[in-house]
Amino acid sequence: MQKKVALVGRILLGLVFFIFGLNFFFNFIPMPPPSAASQKLMEGMMAVGYIFPVVKVLEVLCGFLLLTGFFVPLALLILAPIVVNIAIIHFFFDLSGAPMAALLIVLMGLNAWAHRSVFSHVLKAKTTV
C-alpha cells in the first residue's frame, strides 16, 4: 500500500511539473491573471531574461525524471527550491494559487519520505570526512 501511495505521489508531482513547465513554452493551458503584487515580481524575473526559461527547463526535465522513475532523488533535490519559491509566492503574494502550492508541498514531502534513506545522509550534522 505504501509503495502504491508513493508511486501515485511521484507520478502526480511529475505530471504537475512536466505539464506546467511545458505550458510556459507552448501556452496550451490559459493561466489566470496574477495579483498586482505577484505581477510585479513576475515582471522583474522576466526582465532578467534567463530565470524563467532555466526554471521551466528544470521543471520539464525533473517532471520527466519523476514520471520515468530515473534519478528521482536528484529530481526532488532540484525541485525543492522551486517548490519553496512557488509556496512563498502563493502564500504571500497571490493566495489564489495557495491550494496548488500546498499540494506541491504535500507531494514533495511524500516523495522525500519515500526516499528518506537517501536524504538521511544529507541531514547529518557532522560527517567523518
Protein backbone atom coordinates (compact mmCIF):
# COMPACT_ATOMS: atom_id res chain seq x y z
CA MET A 1 0.00 0.00 0.00
CA GLN A 2 2.75 2.45 0.97
CA LYS A 3 4.61 1.82 -2.30
CA LYS A 4 1.45 2.49 -4.31
CA VAL A 5 0.86 5.79 -2.50
CA ALA A 6 4.48 6.81 -3.13
CA LEU A 7 4.16 5.87 -6.80
CA VAL A 8 0.95 7.89 -7.21
CA GLY A 9 2.59 10.84 -5.43
CA ARG A 10 5.64 10.65 -7.69
CA ILE A 11 3.52 10.46 -10.85
CA LEU A 12 1.30 13.37 -9.75
CA LEU A 13 4.31 15.54 -8.90
CA GLY A 14 5.95 14.61 -12.19
CA LEU A 15 2.81 15.45 -14.16
CA VAL A 16 2.43 18.84 -12.49
CA PHE A 17 5.98 19.92 -13.28
CA PHE A 18 6.13 18.34 -16.72
CA ILE A 19 2.82 19.83 -17.90
CA PHE A 20 3.16 23.28 -16.35
CA GLY A 21 6.81 23.50 -17.38
CA LEU A 22 5.84 22.78 -20.99
CA ASN A 23 2.96 25.23 -20.71
CA PHE A 24 5.48 28.05 -20.26
CA PHE A 25 6.90 27.32 -23.70
CA PHE A 26 3.76 26.31 -25.61
CA ASN A 27 0.95 28.10 -23.70
CA PHE A 28 -1.67 25.36 -24.11
CA ILE A 29 -3.33 25.98 -20.71
CA PRO A 30 -4.61 29.53 -20.16
CA MET A 31 -3.34 30.84 -16.86
CA PRO A 32 -5.40 33.19 -14.66
CA PRO A 33 -4.04 36.70 -14.31
CA PRO A 34 -1.72 37.12 -11.32
CA SER A 35 -2.36 39.56 -8.49
CA ALA A 36 -0.83 43.03 -8.74
CA ALA A 37 1.98 42.20 -6.30
CA SER A 38 2.89 38.92 -7.98
CA GLN A 39 2.66 40.60 -11.40
CA LYS A 40 5.44 42.99 -10.38
CA LEU A 41 7.52 40.08 -9.12
CA MET A 42 6.99 38.15 -12.36
CA GLU A 43 7.87 41.19 -14.48
CA GLY A 44 11.10 41.58 -12.54
CA MET A 45 12.04 37.96 -13.07
CA MET A 46 11.12 38.14 -16.76
CA ALA A 47 13.26 41.27 -17.14
CA VAL A 48 16.33 39.32 -16.01
CA GLY A 49 15.81 37.14 -19.05
CA TYR A 50 17.17 33.75 -18.06
CA ILE A 51 15.37 32.88 -14.80
CA PHE A 52 12.05 31.62 -16.16
CA PRO A 53 13.46 29.64 -19.11
CA VAL A 54 16.03 27.92 -16.86
CA VAL A 55 13.49 27.14 -14.14
CA LYS A 56 10.95 25.85 -16.66
CA VAL A 57 13.51 23.64 -18.41
CA LEU A 58 14.43 22.21 -14.99
CA GLU A 59 10.74 21.66 -14.23
CA VAL A 60 10.20 19.78 -17.51
CA LEU A 61 13.35 17.72 -17.05
CA CYS A 62 12.66 16.86 -13.41
CA GLY A 63 9.00 16.16 -14.18
CA PHE A 64 10.14 13.72 -16.87
CA LEU A 65 12.56 12.08 -14.45
CA LEU A 66 9.80 11.67 -11.87
CA LEU A 67 7.43 10.23 -14.46
CA THR A 68 10.00 7.72 -15.69
CA GLY A 69 11.41 6.88 -12.25
CA PHE A 70 15.00 7.70 -13.16
CA PHE A 71 17.14 9.77 -10.76
CA VAL A 72 14.13 10.51 -8.55
CA PRO A 73 16.14 11.77 -5.53
CA LEU A 74 18.11 14.13 -7.80
CA ALA A 75 14.89 15.43 -9.36
CA LEU A 76 13.41 16.03 -5.90
CA LEU A 77 16.57 17.83 -4.80
CA ILE A 78 16.45 20.14 -7.83
CA LEU A 79 12.72 20.78 -7.44
CA ALA A 80 12.88 21.57 -3.70
CA PRO A 81 13.92 25.24 -4.02
CA ILE A 82 11.45 25.70 -6.88
CA VAL A 83 8.62 24.39 -4.69
CA VAL A 84 9.72 26.64 -1.82
CA ASN A 85 9.59 29.68 -4.10
CA ILE A 86 6.21 28.66 -5.53
CA ALA A 87 4.89 28.32 -1.97
CA ILE A 88 6.29 31.70 -0.88
CA ILE A 89 4.81 33.46 -3.91
CA HIS A 90 1.38 31.88 -3.46
CA PHE A 91 1.19 32.16 0.31
CA PHE A 92 2.39 35.78 0.48
CA PHE A 93 1.64 37.42 -2.89
CA ASP A 94 -1.16 35.54 -4.66
CA LEU A 95 -3.39 33.40 -2.45
CA SER A 96 -5.36 32.07 -5.42
CA GLY A 97 -2.58 29.54 -6.03
CA ALA A 98 -2.19 28.56 -2.36
CA PRO A 99 -4.08 25.24 -2.71
CA MET A 100 -1.78 24.16 -5.56
CA ALA A 101 1.28 25.26 -3.57
CA ALA A 102 0.05 23.27 -0.56
CA LEU A 103 -0.47 20.22 -2.80
CA LEU A 104 3.09 20.56 -4.12
CA ILE A 105 4.44 20.70 -0.57
CA VAL A 106 2.47 17.58 0.39
CA LEU A 107 3.63 15.71 -2.74
CA MET A 108 7.25 16.76 -2.18
CA GLY A 109 7.03 15.63 1.46
CA LEU A 110 5.51 12.31 0.44
CA ASN A 111 8.24 11.73 -2.13
CA ALA A 112 11.01 12.84 0.23
CA TRP A 113 9.65 10.45 2.87
CA ALA A 114 9.57 7.61 0.33
CA HIS A 115 13.27 8.30 -0.37
CA ARG A 116 14.25 9.13 3.21
CA SER A 117 17.08 6.62 3.20
CA VAL A 118 18.79 8.68 0.50
CA PHE A 119 18.10 12.03 2.13
CA SER A 120 19.06 10.91 5.64
CA HIS A 121 22.73 11.30 4.66
CA VAL A 122 22.16 14.93 3.70
CA LEU A 123 20.67 15.69 7.11
CA LYS A 124 23.67 14.50 9.15
CA ALA A 125 25.02 17.32 11.31
CA LYS A 126 28.59 16.15 11.25
CA THR A 127 30.48 13.96 8.80
CA THR A 128 33.59 11.84 9.24
CA VAL A 129 35.41 13.36 6.25
